[in-house]
Protein backbone atom coordinates (compact mmCIF):
# COMPACT_ATOMS: atom_id res chain seq x y z
CA UNK A 1 -19.50 -26.88 -68.57
CA UNK A 2 -17.54 -29.25 -70.37
CA UNK A 3 -18.33 -29.95 -74.39
CA UNK A 4 -18.43 -32.82 -75.91
CA UNK A 5 -15.73 -33.81 -78.71
CA UNK A 6 -18.48 -33.34 -81.74
CA UNK A 7 -20.34 -30.15 -79.72
CA UNK A 8 -16.38 -28.61 -80.00
CA UNK A 9 -16.19 -29.61 -83.60
CA UNK A 10 -19.53 -28.05 -84.51
CA UNK A 11 -18.28 -24.65 -82.15
CA UNK A 12 -15.38 -24.51 -84.80
CA UNK A 13 -17.18 -25.06 -87.99
CA UNK A 14 -20.51 -22.84 -87.10
CA UNK A 15 -17.98 -20.45 -86.35
CA UNK A 16 -16.08 -20.72 -89.59
CA UNK A 17 -19.49 -20.85 -91.36
CA UNK A 18 -20.38 -17.91 -89.66
CA UNK A 19 -17.44 -15.53 -90.41
CA UNK A 20 -16.69 -16.83 -94.32
CA UNK A 21 -20.75 -16.46 -94.69
CA UNK A 22 -20.49 -13.01 -93.72
CA UNK A 23 -17.57 -12.30 -95.88
CA UNK A 24 -19.60 -13.65 -98.93
CA UNK A 25 -21.92 -10.82 -98.59
CA UNK A 26 -21.71 -7.74 -100.53
CA UNK A 27 -20.47 -6.06 -96.75
CA UNK A 28 -17.40 -8.40 -97.17
CA UNK A 29 -15.46 -9.60 -100.31
CA UNK A 30 -18.61 -9.54 -102.91
CA UNK A 31 -17.76 -7.17 -105.53
CA UNK A 32 -20.19 -8.20 -108.23
CA UNK A 33 -23.08 -5.93 -108.43
CA UNK A 34 -26.53 -6.97 -107.34
CA UNK A 35 -28.30 -6.16 -111.01
CA UNK A 36 -26.49 -8.59 -112.70
CA UNK A 37 -28.16 -11.15 -110.47
CA UNK A 38 -30.40 -13.86 -112.64
CA UNK A 39 -33.19 -13.58 -109.81
CA UNK A 40 -33.47 -11.28 -107.03
CA UNK A 41 -34.70 -14.35 -104.66
CA UNK A 42 -31.39 -15.53 -104.54
CA UNK A 43 -30.56 -12.56 -102.12
CA UNK A 44 -32.97 -13.94 -99.24
CA UNK A 45 -31.65 -17.38 -99.48
CA UNK A 46 -28.36 -16.62 -99.05
CA UNK A 47 -29.22 -14.06 -96.77
CA UNK A 48 -31.04 -16.62 -94.61
CA UNK A 49 -27.87 -19.08 -95.05
CA UNK A 50 -25.90 -16.78 -92.95
CA UNK A 51 -28.23 -15.91 -90.04
CA UNK A 52 -28.72 -19.62 -89.87
CA UNK A 53 -24.89 -19.98 -89.38
CA UNK A 54 -24.56 -17.26 -86.94
CA UNK A 55 -27.63 -18.33 -85.09
CA UNK A 56 -26.58 -21.86 -84.62
CA UNK A 57 -23.16 -20.78 -83.55
CA UNK A 58 -24.94 -18.61 -80.57
CA UNK A 59 -27.22 -21.25 -79.73
CA UNK A 60 -24.99 -24.61 -79.52
CA UNK A 61 -23.80 -23.79 -76.08
CA UNK A 62 -27.89 -23.54 -74.90
CA UNK A 63 -29.46 -25.45 -77.14
CA UNK A 64 -27.51 -27.88 -78.79
CA UNK A 65 -30.13 -29.80 -80.15
CA UNK A 66 -32.00 -26.81 -81.98
CA UNK A 67 -28.43 -25.86 -83.07
CA UNK A 68 -27.63 -28.84 -84.96
CA UNK A 69 -31.16 -28.28 -87.08
CA UNK A 70 -30.14 -24.74 -87.82
CA UNK A 71 -26.82 -25.93 -88.70
CA UNK A 72 -27.27 -28.49 -90.73
CA UNK A 73 -29.81 -26.54 -92.96
CA UNK A 74 -27.11 -24.08 -93.43
CA UNK A 75 -25.12 -26.72 -94.44
CA UNK A 76 -27.04 -28.10 -96.72
CA UNK A 77 -27.95 -24.74 -98.11
CA UNK A 78 -23.91 -23.85 -98.50
CA UNK A 79 -23.43 -27.23 -100.15
CA UNK A 80 -26.46 -26.55 -102.99
CA UNK A 81 -25.21 -22.37 -103.38
CA UNK A 82 -21.93 -22.84 -103.62
CA UNK A 83 -21.55 -25.25 -107.23
CA UNK A 84 -24.04 -23.11 -108.37
CA UNK A 85 -22.40 -19.79 -108.04
CA UNK A 86 -18.94 -21.37 -109.19
CA UNK A 87 -21.20 -22.68 -112.34
CA UNK A 88 -22.09 -19.09 -113.05
CA UNK A 89 -25.84 -19.65 -112.40
CA UNK A 90 -26.32 -16.66 -109.80
CA UNK A 91 -25.13 -13.93 -111.85
CA UNK A 92 -25.26 -13.01 -115.82
CA UNK A 93 -22.18 -12.48 -117.68
CA UNK A 94 -19.86 -11.32 -114.18
CA UNK A 95 -17.44 -14.22 -113.58
CA UNK A 96 -16.94 -15.27 -109.74
CA UNK A 97 -13.74 -13.61 -108.22
CA UNK A 98 -11.24 -15.29 -106.73
CA UNK A 99 -11.45 -14.40 -103.13
CA UNK A 100 -15.42 -15.55 -103.46
CA UNK A 101 -13.78 -18.59 -105.03
CA UNK A 102 -11.58 -19.15 -101.90
CA UNK A 103 -14.23 -18.35 -99.51
CA UNK A 104 -16.68 -20.51 -100.85
CA UNK A 105 -14.11 -23.47 -101.13
CA UNK A 106 -13.43 -22.61 -97.48
CA UNK A 107 -17.01 -22.69 -95.96
CA UNK A 108 -17.67 -26.29 -97.98
CA UNK A 109 -15.38 -27.87 -94.90
CA UNK A 110 -16.92 -26.79 -92.30
CA UNK A 111 -20.49 -27.46 -94.15
CA UNK A 112 -19.23 -31.39 -94.18
CA UNK A 113 -18.36 -31.17 -90.68
CA UNK A 114 -21.46 -29.99 -89.69
CA UNK A 115 -23.71 -32.98 -91.47
CA UNK A 116 -21.10 -35.34 -89.94
CA UNK A 117 -20.91 -34.11 -86.10
CA UNK A 118 -24.60 -32.53 -86.14
CA UNK A 119 -26.64 -36.07 -85.92
CA UNK A 120 -24.46 -37.01 -83.19
CA UNK A 121 -24.78 -34.09 -81.05
CA UNK A 122 -28.36 -34.27 -81.47
CA UNK A 123 -28.57 -37.38 -80.13
CA UNK A 124 -26.26 -36.82 -77.60
CA UNK A 125 -28.43 -34.18 -76.27
CA UNK A 126 -31.73 -35.82 -76.75
CA UNK A 127 -34.15 -35.31 -73.88
CA UNK A 128 -34.54 -38.51 -71.88
CA UNK A 129 -38.07 -39.46 -71.19
CA UNK A 130 -38.25 -41.11 -67.77
CA UNK A 131 -39.03 -45.02 -67.93
CA UNK A 132 -42.31 -45.73 -66.44
CA UNK A 133 -42.13 -49.25 -64.66
CA UNK A 134 -45.38 -51.44 -64.59
CA UNK A 135 -45.97 -53.14 -61.01
CA UNK A 136 -45.94 -56.65 -62.21
């Protein structure tokens, strides 16, 4: 099955978002202690964003419309989470480690690419309903 140019872009973008999203977790590069979080509600929001990115990468091959929607949600989440983290809104008195800053800047690039290409993939894969021709 040949993928369209826009779907290939989304495959790469979702792959980068999934890998970098995993690196942004405590299992990856995150060294700030969870006890310094302003609100523990940020943990499920961030984990949901990472899971949506991984799910989008898997679904782009089988259900491109669903992947485009989930990927757009993940991209929008990253676009709001990254500036908040860089501004120091999430952790109390702990600076953002340089590897996290670099990873967050890297994840913004595929997020913008997803927001540009996801609507095109969604419209490419729209299910066409049969046209009913009236007898004249």
